[in-house]
Structure formats: structure tokens, C-alpha cells
PDB file of N, CA and C in Angstrom:
ATOM      1  N   MET A   1      59.868  -7.514  31.709  1.00  0.00           N
ATOM      2  CA  MET A   1      59.940  -6.398  30.787  1.00  0.00           C
ATOM      3  C   MET A   1      59.533  -5.119  31.518  1.00  0.00           C
ATOM      4  N   PRO A   2      60.054  -4.003  31.217  1.00  0.00           N
ATOM      5  CA  PRO A   2      59.717  -2.829  31.972  1.00  0.00           C
ATOM      6  C   PRO A   2      58.319  -2.254  31.471  1.00  0.00           C
ATOM      7  N   PRO A   3      57.598  -1.442  32.311  1.00  0.00           N
ATOM      8  CA  PRO A   3      56.229  -1.091  31.944  1.00  0.00           C
ATOM      9  C   PRO A   3      56.174  -0.489  30.509  1.00  0.00           C
ATOM     10  N   ASN A   4      57.219   0.299  30.101  1.00  0.00           N
ATOM     11  CA  ASN A   4      57.136   1.143  28.852  1.00  0.00           C
ATOM     12  C   ASN A   4      56.897   0.103  27.653  1.00  0.00           C
ATOM     13  N   VAL A   5      57.577  -1.210  27.878  1.00  0.00           N
ATOM     14  CA  VAL A   5      57.528  -2.229  26.733  1.00  0.00           C
ATOM     15  C   VAL A   5      56.107  -2.828  26.865  1.00  0.00           C
ATOM     16  N   ILE A   6      55.763  -3.114  28.227  1.00  0.00           N
ATOM     17  CA  ILE A   6      54.414  -3.800  28.131  1.00  0.00           C
ATOM     18  C   ILE A   6      53.310  -2.851  27.814  1.00  0.00           C
ATOM     19  N   PHE A   7      53.521  -1.530  27.957  1.00  0.00           N
ATOM     20  CA  PHE A   7      52.334  -0.618  27.488  1.00  0.00           C
ATOM     21  C   PHE A   7      52.396  -0.531  26.040  1.00  0.00           C
ATOM     22  N   ARG A   8      53.596  -0.680  25.336  1.00  0.00           N
ATOM     23  CA  ARG A   8      53.517  -0.636  23.914  1.00  0.00           C
ATOM     24  C   ARG A   8      53.161  -1.964  23.331  1.00  0.00           C
ATOM     25  N   GLU A   9      53.610  -3.000  23.795  1.00  0.00           N
ATOM     26  CA  GLU A   9      53.391  -4.402  23.186  1.00  0.00           C
ATOM     27  C   GLU A   9      52.322  -5.366  23.982  1.00  0.00           C
ATOM     28  N   GLY A  10      51.974  -5.139  24.948  1.00  0.00           N
ATOM     29  CA  GLY A  10      51.105  -5.938  25.627  1.00  0.00           C
ATOM     30  C   GLY A  10      51.691  -7.060  26.336  1.00  0.00           C
ATOM     31  N   PHE A  11      51.063  -8.086  26.804  1.00  0.00           N
ATOM     32  CA  PHE A  11      51.582  -9.253  27.484  1.00  0.00           C
ATOM     33  C   PHE A  11      51.560 -10.290  26.576  1.00  0.00           C
ATOM     34  N   LYS A  12      52.509 -11.153  26.474  1.00  0.00           N
ATOM     35  CA  LYS A  12      52.716 -12.269  25.490  1.00  0.00           C
ATOM     36  C   LYS A  12      52.950 -13.519  26.394  1.00  0.00           C
ATOM     37  N   PRO A  13      52.425 -14.576  26.038  1.00  0.00           N
ATOM     38  CA  PRO A  13      52.658 -15.805  26.704  1.00  0.00           C
ATOM     39  C   PRO A  13      54.132 -16.312  26.560  1.00  0.00           C
ATOM     40  N   LEU A  14      54.634 -17.120  27.454  1.00  0.00           N
ATOM     41  CA  LEU A  14      55.956 -17.609  27.486  1.00  0.00           C
ATOM     42  C   LEU A  14      56.254 -18.813  26.540  1.00  0.00           C
ATOM     43  N   GLY A  15      55.081 -19.565  26.083  1.00  0.00           N
ATOM     44  CA  GLY A  15      55.166 -20.691  25.263  1.00  0.00           C
ATOM     45  C   GLY A  15      53.918 -20.946  24.641  1.00  0.00           C
ATOM     46  N   ASP A  16      53.624 -22.295  24.158  1.00  0.00           N
ATOM     47  CA  ASP A  16      52.475 -22.617  23.424  1.00  0.00           C
ATOM     48  C   ASP A  16      51.662 -23.809  24.057  1.00  0.00           C
ATOM     49  N   SER A  17      52.064 -24.260  25.273  1.00  0.00           N
ATOM     50  CA  SER A  17      51.351 -25.340  25.886  1.00  0.00           C
ATOM     51  C   SER A  17      50.000 -24.748  26.243  1.00  0.00           C
ATOM     52  N   SER A  18      48.881 -25.573  25.936  1.00  0.00           N
ATOM     53  CA  SER A  18      47.626 -25.135  26.200  1.00  0.00           C
ATOM     54  C   SER A  18      46.941 -25.919  27.401  1.00  0.00           C
ATOM     55  N   ASP A  19      47.895 -26.848  28.103  1.00  0.00           N
ATOM     56  CA  ASP A  19      47.431 -27.622  29.299  1.00  0.00           C
ATOM     57  C   ASP A  19      47.256 -26.728  30.466  1.00  0.00           C
ATOM     58  N   LEU A  20      46.045 -26.467  30.904  1.00  0.00           N
ATOM     59  CA  LEU A  20      45.709 -25.589  32.040  1.00  0.00           C
ATOM     60  C   LEU A  20      46.273 -26.120  33.350  1.00  0.00           C
ATOM     61  N   LEU A  21      46.201 -27.357  33.427  1.00  0.00           N
ATOM     62  CA  LEU A  21      46.736 -27.954  34.764  1.00  0.00           C
ATOM     63  C   LEU A  21      48.139 -27.641  34.984  1.00  0.00           C
ATOM     64  N   LEU A  22      48.891 -28.064  33.845  1.00  0.00           N
ATOM     65  CA  LEU A  22      50.294 -27.852  33.994  1.00  0.00           C
ATOM     66  C   LEU A  22      50.658 -26.239  34.043  1.00  0.00           C
ATOM     67  N   HIS A  23      49.760 -25.528  33.460  1.00  0.00           N
ATOM     68  CA  HIS A  23      50.223 -24.215  33.540  1.00  0.00           C
ATOM     69  C   HIS A  23      49.905 -23.691  35.094  1.00  0.00           C
ATOM     70  N   ALA A  24      48.741 -24.188  35.615  1.00  0.00           N
ATOM     71  CA  ALA A  24      48.441 -23.784  36.976  1.00  0.00           C
ATOM     72  C   ALA A  24      49.643 -24.220  37.987  1.00  0.00           C
ATOM     73  N   ARG A  25      50.279 -25.331  37.782  1.00  0.00           N
ATOM     74  CA  ARG A  25      51.160 -25.998  38.538  1.00  0.00           C
ATOM     75  C   ARG A  25      52.515 -25.144  38.421  1.00  0.00           C
ATOM     76  N   ASP A  26      52.866 -24.716  37.208  1.00  0.00           N
ATOM     77  CA  ASP A  26      54.069 -24.154  36.794  1.00  0.00           C
ATOM     78  C   ASP A  26      54.049 -23.626  35.366  1.00  0.00           C
ATOM     79  N   ASN A  27      53.782 -22.292  35.188  1.00  0.00           N
ATOM     80  CA  ASN A  27      53.633 -21.865  33.830  1.00  0.00           C
ATOM     81  C   ASN A  27      54.881 -21.825  32.921  1.00  0.00           C
ATOM     82  N   ARG A  28      55.968 -22.105  33.518  1.00  0.00           N
ATOM     83  CA  ARG A  28      57.273 -22.245  32.821  1.00  0.00           C
ATOM     84  C   ARG A  28      57.752 -23.590  32.484  1.00  0.00           C
ATOM     85  N   SER A  29      57.091 -24.585  32.916  1.00  0.00           N
ATOM     86  CA  SER A  29      57.433 -26.036  32.719  1.00  0.00           C
ATOM     87  C   SER A  29      56.190 -26.921  32.396  1.00  0.00           C
ATOM     88  N   PRO A  30      55.875 -27.116  31.191  1.00  0.00           N
ATOM     89  CA  PRO A  30      56.352 -26.371  29.896  1.00  0.00           C
ATOM     90  C   PRO A  30      55.840 -24.942  29.785  1.00  0.00           C
ATOM     91  N   PRO A  31      56.596 -24.070  29.170  1.00  0.00           N
ATOM     92  CA  PRO A  31      56.009 -22.764  28.915  1.00  0.00           C
ATOM     93  C   PRO A  31      54.710 -22.701  28.349  1.00  0.00           C
ATOM     94  N   SER A  32      53.719 -22.115  28.927  1.00  0.00           N
ATOM     95  CA  SER A  32      52.389 -22.203  28.595  1.00  0.00           C
ATOM     96  C   SER A  32      51.919 -20.929  27.782  1.00  0.00           C
ATOM     97  N   ASN A  33      50.693 -21.255  27.008  1.00  0.00           N
ATOM     98  CA  ASN A  33      50.226 -20.134  26.306  1.00  0.00           C
ATOM     99  C   ASN A  33      49.154 -19.227  26.991  1.00  0.00           C
ATOM    100  N   PHE A  34      49.383 -19.228  28.323  1.00  0.00           N
ATOM    101  CA  PHE A  34      48.509 -18.594  29.150  1.00  0.00           C
ATOM    102  C   PHE A  34      49.128 -17.355  29.663  1.00  0.00           C
ATOM    103  N   ILE A  35      48.349 -16.150  29.928  1.00  0.00           N
ATOM    104  CA  ILE A  35      49.094 -15.014  30.848  1.00  0.00           C
ATOM    105  C   ILE A  35      48.411 -15.250  32.217  1.00  0.00           C
ATOM    106  N   SER A  36      49.082 -15.347  33.224  1.00  0.00           N
ATOM    107  CA  SER A  36      48.405 -15.406  34.533  1.00  0.00           C
ATOM    108  C   SER A  36      48.135 -14.041  35.185  1.00  0.00           C
ATOM    109  N   THR A  37      46.826 -13.903  35.582  1.00  0.00           N
ATOM    110  CA  THR A  37      46.403 -12.790  36.249  1.00  0.00           C
ATOM    111  C   THR A  37      45.561 -13.174  37.383  1.00  0.00           C
ATOM    112  N   SER A  38      45.320 -12.370  38.348  1.00  0.00           N
ATOM    113  CA  SER A  38      44.598 -12.604  39.564  1.00  0.00           C
ATOM    114  C   SER A  38      43.508 -11.556  39.763  1.00  0.00           C
ATOM    115  N   SER A  39      42.304 -12.025  40.236  1.00  0.00           N
ATOM    116  CA  SER A  39      41.222 -11.095  40.739  1.00  0.00           C
ATOM    117  C   SER A  39      41.511 -10.544  42.127  1.00  0.00           C
ATOM    118  N   ASP A  40      42.678 -10.886  42.795  1.00  0.00           N
ATOM    119  CA  ASP A  40      43.016 -10.231  44.067  1.00  0.00           C
ATOM    120  C   ASP A  40      44.328  -9.427  43.927  1.00  0.00           C
ATOM    121  N   VAL A  41      44.158  -8.259  44.286  1.00  0.00           N
ATOM    122  CA  VAL A  41      45.351  -7.339  44.270  1.00  0.00           C
ATOM    123  C   VAL A  41      46.496  -7.780  45.151  1.00  0.00           C
ATOM    124  N   GLU A  42      46.041  -8.235  46.340  1.00  0.00           N
ATOM    125  CA  GLU A  42      47.246  -8.802  47.235  1.00  0.00           C
ATOM    126  C   GLU A  42      47.965  -9.777  46.661  1.00  0.00           C
ATOM    127  N   VAL A  43      47.357 -10.658  46.071  1.00  0.00           N
ATOM    128  CA  VAL A  43      48.095 -11.905  45.285  1.00  0.00           C
ATOM    129  C   VAL A  43      49.042 -11.155  44.341  1.00  0.00           C
ATOM    130  N   ALA A  44      48.401 -10.385  43.471  1.00  0.00           N
ATOM    131  CA  ALA A  44      49.396  -9.721  42.425  1.00  0.00           C
ATOM    132  C   ALA A  44      50.551  -8.950  43.214  1.00  0.00           C
ATOM    133  N   GLN A  45      50.343  -8.318  44.252  1.00  0.00           N
ATOM    134  CA  GLN A  45      51.450  -7.573  45.023  1.00  0.00           C
ATOM    135  C   GLN A  45      52.395  -8.752  45.461  1.00  0.00           C
ATOM    136  N   ASN A  46      52.059  -9.784  45.930  1.00  0.00           N
ATOM    137  CA  ASN A  46      52.867 -10.834  46.397  1.00  0.00           C
ATOM    138  C   ASN A  46      53.696 -11.517  45.163  1.00  0.00           C
ATOM    139  N   PHE A  47      53.010 -11.569  44.036  1.00  0.00           N
ATOM    140  CA  PHE A  47      53.794 -11.954  42.972  1.00  0.00           C
ATOM    141  C   PHE A  47      54.949 -10.953  42.482  1.00  0.00           C
ATOM    142  N   ALA A  48      54.453  -9.776  42.414  1.00  0.00           N
ATOM    143  CA  ALA A  48      55.221  -8.696  41.998  1.00  0.00           C
ATOM    144  C   ALA A  48      56.579  -8.509  42.828  1.00  0.00           C
ATOM    145  N   ALA A  49      56.492  -9.023  44.203  1.00  0.00           N
ATOM    146  CA  ALA A  49      57.703  -8.749  44.997  1.00  0.00           C
ATOM    147  C   ALA A  49      58.207 -10.200  45.324  1.00  0.00           C
ATOM    148  N   ARG A  50      57.996 -11.189  44.569  1.00  0.00           N
ATOM    149  CA  ARG A  50      58.503 -12.555  44.934  1.00  0.00           C
ATOM    150  C   ARG A  50      60.096 -12.323  44.788  1.00  0.00           C
ATOM    151  N   ASP A  51      60.651 -13.325  45.523  1.00  0.00           N
ATOM    152  CA  ASP A  51      62.194 -13.488  45.506  1.00  0.00           C
ATOM    153  C   ASP A  51      62.770 -11.940  46.069  1.00  0.00           C
ATOM    154  N   GLU A  52      62.035 -11.328  46.968  1.00  0.00           N
ATOM    155  CA  GLU A  52      62.298 -10.157  47.514  1.00  0.00           C
ATOM    156  C   GLU A  52      62.891  -8.920  46.373  1.00  0.00           C
ATOM    157  N   GLN A  53      62.225  -8.994  45.378  1.00  0.00           N
ATOM    158  CA  GLN A  53      62.670  -8.068  44.460  1.00  0.00           C
ATOM    159  C   GLN A  53      61.467  -7.004  44.047  1.00  0.00           C
ATOM    160  N   LYS A  54      61.878  -5.897  43.612  1.00  0.00           N
ATOM    161  CA  LYS A  54      60.704  -4.791  43.208  1.00  0.00           C
ATOM    162  C   LYS A  54      60.120  -5.280  42.048  1.00  0.00           C
ATOM    163  N   GLY A  55      58.925  -4.915  41.865  1.00  0.00           N
ATOM    164  CA  GLY A  55      58.076  -5.524  40.775  1.00  0.00           C
ATOM    165  C   GLY A  55      56.941  -4.405  40.419  1.00  0.00           C
ATOM    166  N   PHE A  56      56.056  -4.853  39.608  1.00  0.00           N
ATOM    167  CA  PHE A  56      54.974  -4.010  39.202  1.00  0.00           C
ATOM    168  C   PHE A  56      53.467  -4.801  39.325  1.00  0.00           C
ATOM    169  N   VAL A  57      52.427  -3.898  39.552  1.00  0.00           N
ATOM    170  CA  VAL A  57      51.184  -4.556  39.584  1.00  0.00           C
ATOM    171  C   VAL A  57      50.332  -3.859  38.426  1.00  0.00           C
ATOM    172  N   TYR A  58      49.924  -4.592  37.438  1.00  0.00           N
ATOM    173  CA  TYR A  58      49.206  -4.051  36.359  1.00  0.00           C
ATOM    174  C   TYR A  58      47.634  -4.091  36.481  1.00  0.00           C
ATOM    175  N   ALA A  59      47.025  -2.931  36.120  1.00  0.00           N
ATOM    176  CA  ALA A  59      45.473  -2.959  36.101  1.00  0.00           C
ATOM    177  C   ALA A  59      45.196  -3.261  34.724  1.00  0.00           C
ATOM    178  N   ILE A  60      44.201  -4.214  34.495  1.00  0.00           N
ATOM    179  CA  ILE A  60      43.941  -4.551  33.048  1.00  0.00           C
ATOM    180  C   ILE A  60      42.384  -4.537  33.005  1.00  0.00           C
ATOM    181  N   ARG A  61      41.918  -4.374  31.859  1.00  0.00           N
ATOM    182  CA  ARG A  61      40.500  -4.508  31.620  1.00  0.00           C
ATOM    183  C   ARG A  61      40.211  -6.091  31.719  1.00  0.00           C
ATOM    184  N   PRO A  62      38.939  -6.321  32.207  1.00  0.00           N
ATOM    185  CA  PRO A  62      38.554  -7.770  32.172  1.00  0.00           C
ATOM    186  C   PRO A  62      38.646  -8.550  30.775  1.00  0.00           C
ATOM    187  N   GLN A  63      39.258  -9.693  30.705  1.00  0.00           N
ATOM    188  CA  GLN A  63      39.359 -10.355  29.584  1.00  0.00           C
ATOM    189  C   GLN A  63      38.273 -11.266  29.275  1.00  0.00           C
ATOM    190  N   LYS A  64      37.565 -11.205  28.211  1.00  0.00           N
ATOM    191  CA  LYS A  64      36.403 -12.067  28.031  1.00  0.00           C
ATOM    192  C   LYS A  64      36.769 -13.488  27.801  1.00  0.00           C
ATOM    193  N   ASN A  65      37.992 -13.850  27.372  1.00  0.00           N
ATOM    194  CA  ASN A  65      38.419 -15.102  27.250  1.00  0.00           C
ATOM    195  C   ASN A  65      39.135 -15.774  28.447  1.00  0.00           C
ATOM    196  N   ALA A  66      39.197 -15.057  29.484  1.00  0.00           N
ATOM    197  CA  ALA A  66      39.863 -15.496  30.784  1.00  0.00           C
ATOM    198  C   ALA A  66      39.287 -16.708  31.318  1.00  0.00           C
ATOM    199  N   ILE A  67      40.056 -17.713  31.865  1.00  0.00           N
ATOM    200  CA  ILE A  67      39.600 -18.835  32.387  1.00  0.00           C
ATOM    201  C   ILE A  67      39.880 -18.784  33.822  1.00  0.00           C
ATOM    202  N   ASP A  68      38.706 -19.018  34.548  1.00  0.00           N
ATOM    203  CA  ASP A  68      38.816 -19.039  35.952  1.00  0.00           C
ATOM    204  C   ASP A  68      39.438 -20.440  36.251  1.00  0.00           C
ATOM    205  N   VAL A  69      40.749 -20.522  36.809  1.00  0.00           N
ATOM    206  CA  VAL A  69      41.367 -21.719  37.150  1.00  0.00           C
ATOM    207  C   VAL A  69      40.540 -22.414  38.128  1.00  0.00           C
ATOM    208  N   ASN A  70      40.278 -21.825  39.272  1.00  0.00           N
ATOM    209  CA  ASN A  70      39.629 -22.590  40.317  1.00  0.00           C
ATOM    210  C   ASN A  70      38.400 -23.290  39.878  1.00  0.00           C
ATOM    211  N   LYS A  71      37.503 -22.559  39.109  1.00  0.00           N
ATOM    212  CA  LYS A  71      36.320 -23.107  38.732  1.00  0.00           C
ATOM    213  C   LYS A  71      36.524 -24.234  37.650  1.00  0.00           C
ATOM    214  N   THR A  72      37.487 -24.072  36.749  1.00  0.00           N
ATOM    215  CA  THR A  72      37.635 -24.948  35.663  1.00  0.00           C
ATOM    216  C   THR A  72      38.425 -26.241  36.327  1.00  0.00           C
ATOM    217  N   LEU A  73      39.387 -26.056  37.127  1.00  0.00           N
ATOM    218  CA  LEU A  73      40.069 -27.264  37.570  1.00  0.00           C
ATOM    219  C   LEU A  73      39.568 -27.829  38.939  1.00  0.00           C
ATOM    220  N   GLY A  74      38.648 -27.072  39.631  1.00  0.00           N
ATOM    221  CA  GLY A  74      38.013 -27.573  40.767  1.00  0.00           C
ATOM    222  C   GLY A  74      39.064 -27.988  41.805  1.00  0.00           C
ATOM    223  N   LYS A  75      38.815 -29.222  42.368  1.00  0.00           N
ATOM    224  CA  LYS A  75      39.743 -29.811  43.445  1.00  0.00           C
ATOM    225  C   LYS A  75      41.186 -29.978  42.901  1.00  0.00           C
ATOM    226  N   ASN A  76      41.430 -29.966  41.576  1.00  0.00           N
ATOM    227  CA  ASN A  76      42.665 -30.140  41.096  1.00  0.00           C
ATOM    228  C   ASN A  76      43.520 -28.918  41.054  1.00  0.00           C
ATOM    229  N   THR A  77      42.927 -27.882  41.411  1.00  0.00           N
ATOM    230  CA  THR A  77      43.642 -26.473  41.431  1.00  0.00           C
ATOM    231  C   THR A  77      44.904 -26.585  42.418  1.00  0.00           C
ATOM    232  N   PRO A  78      46.028 -26.344  42.080  1.00  0.00           N
ATOM    233  CA  PRO A  78      47.037 -26.487  42.913  1.00  0.00           C
ATOM    234  C   PRO A  78      47.214 -25.353  43.906  1.00  0.00           C
ATOM    235  N   PHE A  79      46.858 -24.212  43.512  1.00  0.00           N
ATOM    236  CA  PHE A  79      46.953 -23.025  44.172  1.00  0.00           C
ATOM    237  C   PHE A  79      45.733 -22.260  44.262  1.00  0.00           C
ATOM    238  N   PRO A  80      44.639 -22.641  44.914  1.00  0.00           N
ATOM    239  CA  PRO A  80      43.472 -22.064  44.868  1.00  0.00           C
ATOM    240  C   PRO A  80      43.451 -20.613  45.444  1.00  0.00           C
ATOM    241  N   ASP A  81      44.246 -20.245  46.385  1.00  0.00           N
ATOM    242  CA  ASP A  81      44.257 -18.928  47.044  1.00  0.00           C
ATOM    243  C   ASP A  81      44.851 -17.810  46.016  1.00  0.00           C
ATOM    244  N   GLU A  82      45.373 -18.288  44.909  1.00  0.00           N
ATOM    245  CA  GLU A  82      45.783 -17.275  43.841  1.00  0.00           C
ATOM    246  C   GLU A  82      44.733 -16.657  43.144  1.00  0.00           C
ATOM    247  N   LEU A  83      43.626 -17.310  43.079  1.00  0.00           N
ATOM    248  CA  LEU A  83      42.412 -16.705  42.390  1.00  0.00           C
ATOM    249  C   LEU A  83      42.757 -16.366  41.005  1.00  0.00           C
ATOM    250  N   GLU A  84      43.437 -17.323  40.337  1.00  0.00           N
ATOM    251  CA  GLU A  84      44.011 -17.113  39.026  1.00  0.00           C
ATOM    252  C   GLU A  84      42.782 -17.033  38.044  1.00  0.00           C
ATOM    253  N   MET A  85      43.090 -16.127  37.074  1.00  0.00           N
ATOM    254  CA  MET A  85      42.300 -16.089  35.721  1.00  0.00           C
ATOM    255  C   MET A  85      43.470 -16.068  34.599  1.00  0.00           C
ATOM    256  N   ALA A  86      43.366 -17.305  34.088  1.00  0.00           N
ATOM    257  CA  ALA A  86      44.370 -17.520  32.808  1.00  0.00           C
ATOM    258  C   ALA A  86      43.971 -16.942  31.624  1.00  0.00           C
ATOM    259  N   VAL A  87      44.576 -16.217  30.945  1.00  0.00           N
ATOM    260  CA  VAL A  87      44.250 -15.509  29.841  1.00  0.00           C
ATOM    261  C   VAL A  87      45.023 -16.355  28.651  1.00  0.00           C
ATOM    262  N   PRO A  88      44.271 -16.960  27.623  1.00  0.00           N
ATOM    263  CA  PRO A  88      45.142 -17.758  26.601  1.00  0.00           C
ATOM    264  C   PRO A  88      45.448 -16.711  25.532  1.00  0.00           C
ATOM    265  N   GLY A  89      46.610 -16.851  25.054  1.00  0.00           N
ATOM    266  CA  GLY A  89      47.272 -15.828  24.015  1.00  0.00           C
ATOM    267  C   GLY A  89      47.745 -14.538  24.709  1.00  0.00           C
ATOM    268  N   THR A  90      47.516 -13.562  24.212  1.00  0.00           N
ATOM    269  CA  THR A  90      47.978 -12.294  24.548  1.00  0.00           C
ATOM    270  C   THR A  90      46.920 -11.393  25.340  1.00  0.00           C
ATOM    271  N   ILE A  91      47.500 -10.280  25.998  1.00  0.00           N
ATOM    272  CA  ILE A  91      46.645  -9.233  26.442  1.00  0.00           C
ATOM    273  C   ILE A  91      47.056  -7.964  25.677  1.00  0.00           C
ATOM    274  N   SER A  92      46.293  -7.518  25.023  1.00  0.00           N
ATOM    275  CA  SER A  92      46.668  -6.356  24.188  1.00  0.00           C
ATOM    276  C   SER A  92      47.076  -5.148  24.996  1.00  0.00           C
ATOM    277  N   ASN A  93      47.999  -4.310  24.516  1.00  0.00           N
ATOM    278  CA  ASN A  93      48.255  -3.057  25.140  1.00  0.00           C
ATOM    279  C   ASN A  93      47.033  -2.129  25.338  1.00  0.00           C
ATOM    280  N   LYS A  94      46.122  -2.230  24.466  1.00  0.00           N
ATOM    281  CA  LYS A  94      44.779  -1.470  24.779  1.00  0.00           C
ATOM    282  C   LYS A  94      43.941  -1.967  25.959  1.00  0.00           C
ATOM    283  N   ASP A  95      44.223  -2.964  26.510  1.00  0.00           N
ATOM    284  CA  ASP A  95      43.599  -3.505  27.686  1.00  0.00           C
ATOM    285  C   ASP A  95      44.417  -3.254  28.972  1.00  0.00           C
ATOM    286  N   ILE A  96      45.474  -2.788  28.866  1.00  0.00           N
ATOM    287  CA  ILE A  96      46.401  -2.386  30.005  1.00  0.00           C
ATOM    288  C   ILE A  96      46.149  -1.006  30.428  1.00  0.00           C
ATOM    289  N   LEU A  97      45.512  -0.874  31.507  1.00  0.00           N
ATOM    290  CA  LEU A  97      45.125   0.586  31.859  1.00  0.00           C
ATOM    291  C   LEU A  97      46.178   1.356  32.744  1.00  0.00           C
ATOM    292  N   GLY A  98      46.957   0.636  33.462  1.00  0.00           N
ATOM    293  CA  GLY A  98      48.175   1.351  34.130  1.00  0.00           C
ATOM    294  C   GLY A  98      48.993   0.389  34.886  1.00  0.00           C
ATOM    295  N   VAL A  99      49.991   0.937  35.686  1.00  0.00           N
ATOM    296  CA  VAL A  99      50.880   0.144  36.537  1.00  0.00           C
ATOM    297  C   VAL A  99      51.188   0.777  37.945  1.00  0.00           C
ATOM    298  N   THR A 100      51.396   0.039  38.754  1.00  0.00           N
ATOM    299  CA  THR A 100      51.930   0.608  40.157  1.00  0.00           C
ATOM    300  C   THR A 100      53.057  -0.108  40.569  1.00  0.00           C
ATOM    301  N   PRO A 101      54.098   0.574  40.779  1.00  0.00           N
ATOM    302  CA  PRO A 101      55.404  -0.105  41.475  1.00  0.00           C
ATOM    303  C   PRO A 101      55.023  -0.661  42.737  1.00  0.00           C
ATOM    304  N   VAL A 102      55.819  -1.853  43.066  1.00  0.00           N
ATOM    305  CA  VAL A 102      55.810  -2.582  44.266  1.00  0.00           C
ATOM    306  C   VAL A 102      57.179  -2.757  44.892  1.00  0.00           C
ATOM    307  N   ASN A 103      57.268  -2.420  46.211  1.00  0.00           N
ATOM    308  CA  ASN A 103      58.560  -2.616  46.892  1.00  0.00           C
ATOM    309  C   ASN A 103      58.866  -4.098  47.018  1.00  0.00           C
ATOM    310  N   GLU A 104      59.973  -4.438  47.630  1.00  0.00           N
ATOM    311  CA  GLU A 104      60.483  -5.934  47.807  1.00  0.00           C
ATOM    312  C   GLU A 104      59.513  -6.529  48.889  1.00  0.00           C
ATOM    313  N   ASP A 105      59.016  -5.733  49.763  1.00  0.00           N
ATOM    314  CA  ASP A 105      58.150  -6.248  50.808  1.00  0.00           C
ATOM    315  C   ASP A 105      56.596  -6.479  50.296  1.00  0.00           C
ATOM    316  N   GLY A 106      56.276  -6.063  49.119  1.00  0.00           N
ATOM    317  CA  GLY A 106      55.007  -6.213  48.507  1.00  0.00           C
ATOM    318  C   GLY A 106      54.108  -4.900  48.706  1.00  0.00           C
ATOM    319  N   SER A 107      54.681  -3.962  49.358  1.00  0.00           N
ATOM    320  CA  SER A 107      53.925  -2.583  49.419  1.00  0.00           C
ATOM    321  C   SER A 107      53.896  -1.724  48.196  1.00  0.00           C
ATOM    322  N   PHE A 108      52.945  -1.223  47.921  1.00  0.00           N
ATOM    323  CA  PHE A 108      52.973  -0.225  46.823  1.00  0.00           C
ATOM    324  C   PHE A 108      53.825   0.935  47.094  1.00  0.00           C
ATOM    325  N   VAL A 109      54.448   1.604  46.051  1.00  0.00           N
ATOM    326  CA  VAL A 109      55.290   2.561  46.311  1.00  0.00           C
ATOM    327  C   VAL A 109      55.196   3.670  45.179  1.00  0.00           C
ATOM    328  N   GLY A 110      55.275   4.930  45.568  1.00  0.00           N
ATOM    329  CA  GLY A 110      55.098   6.028  44.546  1.00  0.00           C
ATOM    330  C   GLY A 110      53.881   6.015  44.102  1.00  0.00           C
ATOM    331  N   PHE A 111      53.838   6.360  42.640  1.00  0.00           N
ATOM    332  CA  PHE A 111      52.518   6.818  41.927  1.00  0.00           C
ATOM    333  C   PHE A 111      52.171   5.700  41.068  1.00  0.00           C
ATOM    334  N   SER A 112      50.899   5.531  40.648  1.00  0.00           N
ATOM    335  CA  SER A 112      50.646   4.614  39.619  1.00  0.00           C
ATOM    336  C   SER A 112      50.705   5.537  38.478  1.00  0.00           C
ATOM    337  N   PHE A 113      50.836   4.761  37.178  1.00  0.00           N
ATOM    338  CA  PHE A 113      51.113   5.329  35.957  1.00  0.00           C
ATOM    339  C   PHE A 113      50.076   4.827  34.998  1.00  0.00           C
ATOM    340  N   ILE A 114      49.489   5.757  34.277  1.00  0.00           N
ATOM    341  CA  ILE A 114      48.500   5.438  33.218  1.00  0.00           C
ATOM    342  C   ILE A 114      49.142   5.039  31.849  1.00  0.00           C
ATOM    343  N   ASN A 115      48.603   4.049  31.267  1.00  0.00           N
ATOM    344  CA  ASN A 115      49.121   3.628  29.911  1.00  0.00           C
ATOM    345  C   ASN A 115      48.432   4.373  28.810  1.00  0.00           C
ATOM    346  N   PHE A 116      49.270   5.447  28.424  1.00  0.00           N
ATOM    347  CA  PHE A 116      48.702   6.359  27.257  1.00  0.00           C
ATOM    348  C   PHE A 116      48.962   5.721  25.892  1.00  0.00           C
ATOM    349  N   PHE A 117      49.644   4.658  25.885  1.00  0.00           N
ATOM    350  CA  PHE A 117      49.972   3.835  24.586  1.00  0.00           C
ATOM    351  C   PHE A 117      48.682   3.067  24.187  1.00  0.00           C
ATOM    352  N   GLY A 118      47.987   2.458  25.032  1.00  0.00           N
ATOM    353  CA  GLY A 118      46.931   1.652  24.808  1.00  0.00           C
ATOM    354  C   GLY A 118      45.673   2.332  24.193  1.00  0.00           C
ATOM    355  N   GLY A 119      45.414   3.544  24.271  1.00  0.00           N
ATOM    356  CA  GLY A 119      44.263   4.117  23.570  1.00  0.00           C
ATOM    357  C   GLY A 119      43.070   3.722  24.118  1.00  0.00           C
TER     358      GLY A 119
END
């Protein structure tokens, strides 16, 4: 979804599976109830540019209900380098601070935009 929609509606999960390990392996199979975030901006840039497409990196407020995937799954974490913080449910538009476009190569491009919808 484009940033103007995310700014108005927030982030919503793809499904309702609450299995954290399945989510960490592949959040689309089955679709999980978690929103994937990372504490590492470079990881976010790489995800934004995956499949060599342009994308976006969002700045969000820390989520109190976020689950540290590495800490929770320990040695079972399939991708520890992602430094994933999985957020169950939604991320409110009020918690989305802004967005920065990312080129196909993962580099930031242009300007960051502040979310004025979030209040």
C-alpha cells in the first residue's frame, strides 16, 4: 500500500495465525497476525528494496507489545540477522512518524515525509 494509505489506516496484519515461529519463517504461509518490524534500519532498507523494486522505510514509535523474535525463539530463530520485532495485531497510524523512499538498490532517495494524519 502507498504511504498515504498507511498514514491514514496504519499497518494491518495479513492474517490471523499467532504462531511466532511460523511467522518468523514466512509471514505469508500461513498469513500471520504479526506486523514485521526491525530495530536495524539497514535490514528495513533491504526489505524495502527486495526483488529489486523501490519501496519505503517507515519510522514508527516503539510498540509496547512488540515481541523480540530472537529473544523469544532463541536458537530456533530462522533469520537472527533481521533483528525482528514482531508486533501482534495492528500498528496505529498515530504511531507512524514518517516514511523515506528507498531505491531498488536499497539506498534512500529524496526526502523523508512526516505523517500528518497520525496526530
